[in-house]
Amino acid sequence: MDPKKADSIRIKIPVSPNDSTNAVHYEMSIGKLTQEAAETYYSLKSYIIQGLIGAPIMGLITTAIVALFTRKNNKPEAAEVA
């Protein structure tokens, strides 16, 4: 492995400039959405809103799950009776 690239390994996923258009056509072809609904759903504005709302919600869910596994048991120990 090239030492210059060792700290910058990236997964490259090809993204087509027509991804939104392809998604709209696919949704229409299977009859799931109308053209107008699909174009609204796959718009840049929709993706921005989904990201701004979805990321904090997923962060809260992740935090809650981690808190369940890492919380301490603060119950007092039973005193020994002599």
Protein backbone atom coordinates (compact mmCIF):
# COMPACT_ATOMS: atom_id res chain seq x y z
CA MET A 1 0.00 0.00 0.00
CA ASP A 2 1.24 3.44 -0.87
CA PRO A 3 2.19 5.25 2.38
CA LYS A 4 0.82 8.52 1.05
CA LYS A 5 -2.61 6.97 0.65
CA ALA A 6 -2.61 4.95 3.89
CA ASP A 7 -4.45 7.62 5.86
CA SER A 8 -6.93 8.49 3.14
CA ILE A 9 -8.63 5.26 2.14
CA ARG A 10 -12.00 6.08 0.64
CA ILE A 11 -14.84 4.07 -0.77
CA LYS A 12 -15.84 5.46 -4.12
CA ILE A 13 -19.48 5.13 -5.08
CA PRO A 14 -20.31 6.26 -8.58
CA VAL A 15 -23.01 8.91 -8.58
CA SER A 16 -24.76 9.75 -11.79
CA PRO A 17 -25.95 13.29 -12.47
CA ASN A 18 -29.23 11.60 -13.45
CA ASP A 19 -29.82 9.77 -10.16
CA SER A 20 -32.82 11.90 -9.20
CA THR A 21 -34.30 11.64 -12.67
CA ASN A 22 -33.76 7.88 -12.68
CA ALA A 23 -35.42 7.56 -9.27
CA VAL A 24 -38.42 9.60 -10.44
CA HIS A 25 -38.82 7.40 -13.53
CA TYR A 26 -38.50 4.23 -11.45
CA GLU A 27 -41.11 5.35 -8.89
CA MET A 28 -43.50 6.20 -11.72
CA SER A 29 -42.85 2.90 -13.53
CA ILE A 30 -43.80 0.82 -10.50
CA GLY A 31 -46.81 3.04 -9.83
CA LYS A 32 -45.70 4.05 -6.35
CA LEU A 33 -45.72 7.83 -6.91
CA THR A 34 -47.06 10.26 -9.46
CA GLN A 35 -44.50 12.27 -11.40
CA GLU A 36 -45.17 15.42 -9.37
CA ALA A 37 -44.90 13.58 -6.03
CA ALA A 38 -41.70 11.81 -7.10
CA GLU A 39 -40.09 15.04 -8.32
CA THR A 40 -40.94 16.72 -5.02
CA TYR A 41 -39.58 13.81 -2.97
CA TYR A 42 -36.32 13.53 -4.93
CA SER A 43 -35.58 17.27 -5.01
CA LEU A 44 -32.56 18.92 -3.40
CA LYS A 45 -34.81 20.80 -0.98
CA SER A 46 -36.32 17.52 0.19
CA TYR A 47 -32.88 15.95 0.75
CA ILE A 48 -31.72 18.98 2.74
CA ILE A 49 -34.81 18.86 4.97
CA GLN A 50 -34.44 15.09 5.46
CA GLY A 51 -30.81 15.56 6.45
CA LEU A 52 -31.46 18.42 8.85
CA ILE A 53 -34.23 16.53 10.62
CA GLY A 54 -32.99 12.95 10.24
CA ALA A 55 -29.43 13.43 11.48
CA PRO A 56 -30.34 14.84 14.92
CA ILE A 57 -33.07 12.24 15.39
CA MET A 58 -30.67 9.40 14.56
CA GLY A 59 -28.13 10.99 16.91
CA LEU A 60 -30.66 10.97 19.76
CA ILE A 61 -31.60 7.36 19.06
CA THR A 62 -27.94 6.31 18.97
CA THR A 63 -27.25 8.22 22.18
CA ALA A 64 -30.17 6.54 23.94
CA ILE A 65 -29.01 3.06 22.89
CA VAL A 66 -25.44 3.73 23.99
CA ALA A 67 -26.71 5.15 27.31
CA LEU A 68 -28.67 1.96 27.96
CA PHE A 69 -25.53 -0.14 27.62
CA THR A 70 -23.17 2.18 29.49
CA ARG A 71 -25.20 3.42 32.44
CA LYS A 72 -23.86 2.73 35.90
CA ASN A 73 -25.69 0.87 38.61
CA ASN A 74 -25.85 3.38 41.49
CA LYS A 75 -27.85 1.24 43.92
CA PRO A 76 -26.35 1.17 47.40
CA GLU A 77 -24.78 -2.09 48.48
CA ALA A 78 -26.57 -4.05 51.20
CA ALA A 79 -24.86 -3.65 54.56
CA GLU A 80 -23.40 -6.79 56.06
CA VAL A 81 -25.06 -7.93 59.25
CA ALA A 82 -22.59 -9.26 61.83
